[in-house]
Amino acid sequence: MTSLNLFLTLGILGMDFLIFVLFQWTFGDKRRAMQRKLAAYRQTQEATGRPYLVSSSKPGVVTQQRLQKVRERISGGVREKKLA
């Protein structure tokens, strides 16, 4: 009777281990995948040399032209309303 119990115990433990291996193989470990993605992201950030973009405090020529056009439209609209 004890040999049957030992056989069943080892068989159940073996099947549990095989199920665990199957799930790890099919679904993988989410933590490892996240760590790999984070490591890849950090490597790309280090490779670029500039982790963030610093904009100039002085606007460019195109931006100044756009601002001037907007100001002209706004001031023109106010003049038309005052005349009417």
C-alpha atoms as a PDB file:
ATOM      1  CA  MET A   1       0.000   0.000   0.000  1.00  0.00           C
ATOM      2  CA  THR A   2       2.821   2.457   0.731  1.00  0.00           C
ATOM      3  CA  SER A   3       4.412   1.915  -2.659  1.00  0.00           C
ATOM      4  CA  LEU A   4       1.097   2.837  -4.322  1.00  0.00           C
ATOM      5  CA  ASN A   5       0.897   6.022  -2.222  1.00  0.00           C
ATOM      6  CA  LEU A   6       4.467   6.899  -3.129  1.00  0.00           C
ATOM      7  CA  PHE A   7       3.772   6.290  -6.832  1.00  0.00           C
ATOM      8  CA  LEU A   8       0.635   8.476  -6.771  1.00  0.00           C
ATOM      9  CA  THR A   9       2.437  11.232  -4.863  1.00  0.00           C
ATOM     10  CA  LEU A  10       5.332  11.344  -7.300  1.00  0.00           C
ATOM     11  CA  GLY A  11       2.962  11.139 -10.272  1.00  0.00           C
ATOM     12  CA  ILE A  12       0.849  14.063  -9.037  1.00  0.00           C
ATOM     13  CA  LEU A  13       3.920  16.165  -8.240  1.00  0.00           C
ATOM     14  CA  GLY A  14       5.353  15.375 -11.679  1.00  0.00           C
ATOM     15  CA  MET A  15       2.136  16.398 -13.413  1.00  0.00           C
ATOM     16  CA  ASP A  16       2.011  19.630 -11.396  1.00  0.00           C
ATOM     17  CA  PHE A  17       5.554  20.407 -12.467  1.00  0.00           C
ATOM     18  CA  LEU A  18       4.735  19.706 -16.129  1.00  0.00           C
ATOM     19  CA  ILE A  19       1.669  21.973 -15.950  1.00  0.00           C
ATOM     20  CA  PHE A  20       3.794  24.722 -14.386  1.00  0.00           C
ATOM     21  CA  VAL A  21       6.414  24.393 -17.141  1.00  0.00           C
ATOM     22  CA  LEU A  22       3.698  24.431 -19.823  1.00  0.00           C
ATOM     23  CA  PHE A  23       2.152  27.636 -18.464  1.00  0.00           C
ATOM     24  CA  GLN A  24       5.542  29.317 -18.156  1.00  0.00           C
ATOM     25  CA  TRP A  25       6.396  28.325 -21.723  1.00  0.00           C
ATOM     26  CA  THR A  26       3.086  29.503 -23.204  1.00  0.00           C
ATOM     27  CA  PHE A  27       2.396  32.677 -21.212  1.00  0.00           C
ATOM     28  CA  GLY A  28       5.868  33.570 -20.004  1.00  0.00           C
ATOM     29  CA  ASP A  29       6.772  35.646 -17.017  1.00  0.00           C
ATOM     30  CA  LYS A  30       5.317  39.127 -17.251  1.00  0.00           C
ATOM     31  CA  ARG A  31       7.961  40.610 -14.972  1.00  0.00           C
ATOM     32  CA  ARG A  32      10.784  39.512 -17.228  1.00  0.00           C
ATOM     33  CA  ALA A  33       9.056  40.932 -20.285  1.00  0.00           C
ATOM     34  CA  MET A  34       8.530  44.259 -18.518  1.00  0.00           C
ATOM     35  CA  GLN A  35      12.161  44.346 -17.417  1.00  0.00           C
ATOM     36  CA  ARG A  36      13.315  43.669 -20.990  1.00  0.00           C
ATOM     37  CA  LYS A  37      11.122  46.461 -22.359  1.00  0.00           C
ATOM     38  CA  LEU A  38      12.364  48.878 -19.698  1.00  0.00           C
ATOM     39  CA  ALA A  39      15.993  47.982 -20.411  1.00  0.00           C
ATOM     40  CA  ALA A  40      15.464  48.503 -24.150  1.00  0.00           C
ATOM     41  CA  TYR A  41      13.798  51.867 -23.494  1.00  0.00           C
ATOM     42  CA  ARG A  42      16.670  52.990 -21.285  1.00  0.00           C
ATOM     43  CA  GLN A  43      19.214  51.966 -23.908  1.00  0.00           C
ATOM     44  CA  THR A  44      17.455  54.017 -26.585  1.00  0.00           C
ATOM     45  CA  GLN A  45      17.279  57.010 -24.253  1.00  0.00           C
ATOM     46  CA  GLU A  46      20.989  56.766 -23.477  1.00  0.00           C
ATOM     47  CA  ALA A  47      21.839  56.364 -27.155  1.00  0.00           C
ATOM     48  CA  THR A  48      20.077  59.571 -28.184  1.00  0.00           C
ATOM     49  CA  GLY A  49      22.013  61.690 -25.719  1.00  0.00           C
ATOM     50  CA  ARG A  50      19.098  64.077 -25.130  1.00  0.00           C
ATOM     51  CA  PRO A  51      16.366  62.571 -22.986  1.00  0.00           C
ATOM     52  CA  TYR A  52      14.139  65.634 -23.392  1.00  0.00           C
ATOM     53  CA  LEU A  53      13.793  68.548 -25.756  1.00  0.00           C
ATOM     54  CA  VAL A  54      14.548  72.067 -24.580  1.00  0.00           C
ATOM     55  CA  SER A  55      12.798  74.686 -26.653  1.00  0.00           C
ATOM     56  CA  SER A  56      14.280  78.070 -27.269  1.00  0.00           C
ATOM     57  CA  SER A  57      12.830  81.005 -25.372  1.00  0.00           C
ATOM     58  CA  LYS A  58      13.038  83.124 -28.535  1.00  0.00           C
ATOM     59  CA  PRO A  59      10.371  82.198 -31.124  1.00  0.00           C
ATOM     60  CA  GLY A  60      11.477  81.392 -34.664  1.00  0.00           C
ATOM     61  CA  VAL A  61      10.768  83.460 -37.769  1.00  0.00           C
ATOM     62  CA  VAL A  62       7.770  81.356 -38.824  1.00  0.00           C
ATOM     63  CA  THR A  63       6.288  81.532 -35.344  1.00  0.00           C
ATOM     64  CA  GLN A  64       6.685  85.300 -35.253  1.00  0.00           C
ATOM     65  CA  GLN A  65       4.926  85.612 -38.614  1.00  0.00           C
ATOM     66  CA  ARG A  66       2.031  83.454 -37.441  1.00  0.00           C
ATOM     67  CA  LEU A  67       1.690  85.456 -34.237  1.00  0.00           C
ATOM     68  CA  GLN A  68       1.661  88.698 -36.204  1.00  0.00           C
ATOM     69  CA  LYS A  69      -1.101  87.388 -38.505  1.00  0.00           C
ATOM     70  CA  VAL A  70      -3.198  86.298 -35.531  1.00  0.00           C
ATOM     71  CA  ARG A  71      -2.752  89.671 -33.844  1.00  0.00           C
ATOM     72  CA  GLU A  72      -3.756  91.440 -37.061  1.00  0.00           C
ATOM     73  CA  ARG A  73      -6.891  89.308 -37.352  1.00  0.00           C
ATOM     74  CA  ILE A  74      -7.822  89.955 -33.748  1.00  0.00           C
ATOM     75  CA  SER A  75      -7.240  93.673 -33.923  1.00  0.00           C
ATOM     76  CA  GLY A  76      -9.056  93.873 -37.298  1.00  0.00           C
ATOM     77  CA  GLY A  77     -12.075  92.074 -35.847  1.00  0.00           C
ATOM     78  CA  VAL A  78     -12.225  94.467 -32.904  1.00  0.00           C
ATOM     79  CA  ARG A  79     -12.115  97.518 -35.197  1.00  0.00           C
ATOM     80  CA  GLU A  80     -14.976  96.179 -37.339  1.00  0.00           C
ATOM     81  CA  LYS A  81     -17.152  95.610 -34.269  1.00  0.00           C
ATOM     82  CA  LYS A  82     -16.493  99.139 -32.974  1.00  0.00           C
ATOM     83  CA  LEU A  83     -17.403 100.687 -36.328  1.00  0.00           C
ATOM     84  CA  ALA A  84     -20.671  98.763 -36.629  1.00  0.00           C
END
